[in-house]
């Protein structure tokens, strides 16, 4: 009787874990989505409009990275 009870509890636990895993898989956004060519061009245009050139964008990224080592300056 005790073994049957433990088996039922184990099965219930596995079902709950399985449901939560499936829920997470199907409801979380895909963050590693590969951008389409149009999305990539739009992002490039947005970066160039904002910074003027790739060199300026890279410089600003380096500045932001350095500032983040000092938490009060981190954006």
Protein backbone atom coordinates (compact mmCIF):
# COMPACT_ATOMS: atom_id res chain seq x y z
CA UNK A 1 0.00 0.00 0.00
CA UNK A 2 2.81 2.41 0.91
CA UNK A 3 4.62 1.63 -2.39
CA UNK A 4 1.50 2.35 -4.40
CA UNK A 5 1.06 5.67 -2.63
CA UNK A 6 4.71 6.64 -3.30
CA UNK A 7 4.36 5.62 -6.95
CA UNK A 8 1.27 7.79 -7.38
CA UNK A 9 2.98 10.76 -5.69
CA UNK A 10 6.05 10.26 -7.91
CA UNK A 11 3.95 10.18 -11.06
CA UNK A 12 2.09 13.35 -10.01
CA UNK A 13 5.40 15.13 -9.34
CA UNK A 14 6.79 14.08 -12.74
CA UNK A 15 3.63 15.24 -14.52
CA UNK A 16 3.76 18.64 -12.79
CA UNK A 17 7.45 19.05 -13.67
CA UNK A 18 6.76 18.02 -17.27
CA UNK A 19 3.90 20.47 -17.61
CA UNK A 20 6.01 23.31 -16.19
CA UNK A 21 8.88 22.51 -18.57
CA UNK A 22 6.56 22.42 -21.58
CA UNK A 23 4.91 25.67 -20.46
CA UNK A 24 8.31 27.35 -20.20
CA UNK A 25 9.44 26.07 -23.61
CA UNK A 26 6.34 27.25 -25.41
CA UNK A 27 5.78 30.58 -23.63
CA UNK A 28 9.31 32.00 -23.42
CA UNK A 29 10.33 34.22 -26.35
CA UNK A 30 13.09 32.93 -28.58
CA UNK A 31 15.99 35.23 -27.77
CA UNK A 32 18.44 33.65 -30.19
CA UNK A 33 16.26 34.31 -33.23
CA UNK A 34 18.25 34.85 -36.41
CA UNK A 35 17.31 38.23 -37.87
CA UNK A 36 16.08 38.47 -41.42
CA UNK A 37 17.99 40.52 -43.98
CA UNK A 38 15.45 43.35 -43.65
CA UNK A 39 15.76 43.39 -39.85
CA UNK A 40 19.54 43.40 -40.11
CA UNK A 41 19.55 46.31 -42.57
CA UNK A 42 17.11 48.26 -40.38
CA UNK A 43 19.37 47.74 -37.37
CA UNK A 44 22.44 48.82 -39.33
CA UNK A 45 20.59 51.96 -40.49
CA UNK A 46 19.48 52.71 -36.94
CA UNK A 47 23.06 52.39 -35.65
CA UNK A 48 24.48 54.55 -38.43
CA UNK A 49 21.74 57.18 -37.96
CA UNK A 50 22.50 57.35 -34.27
CA UNK A 51 26.31 57.30 -34.32
CA UNK A 52 27.21 58.42 -37.84
CA UNK A 53 29.80 55.69 -38.45
CA UNK A 54 30.77 52.22 -37.28
CA UNK A 55 33.89 53.64 -35.62
CA UNK A 56 31.80 56.02 -33.51
CA UNK A 57 29.44 53.18 -32.58
CA UNK A 58 32.34 50.94 -31.55
CA UNK A 59 33.92 53.77 -29.54
CA UNK A 60 30.63 54.43 -27.72
CA UNK A 61 30.22 50.71 -26.98
CA UNK A 62 33.72 50.63 -25.46
CA UNK A 63 32.95 53.71 -23.36
CA UNK A 64 29.74 52.15 -22.08
CA UNK A 65 31.58 48.94 -21.24
CA UNK A 66 34.25 50.84 -19.28
CA UNK A 67 31.67 52.93 -17.41
CA UNK A 68 29.84 49.80 -16.28
CA UNK A 69 32.81 48.83 -14.14
CA UNK A 70 31.90 51.89 -12.07
CA UNK A 71 28.26 51.20 -11.01
CA UNK A 72 27.17 54.84 -10.46
CA UNK A 73 28.09 55.59 -14.09
CA UNK A 74 26.59 52.41 -15.55
CA UNK A 75 23.55 53.10 -17.74
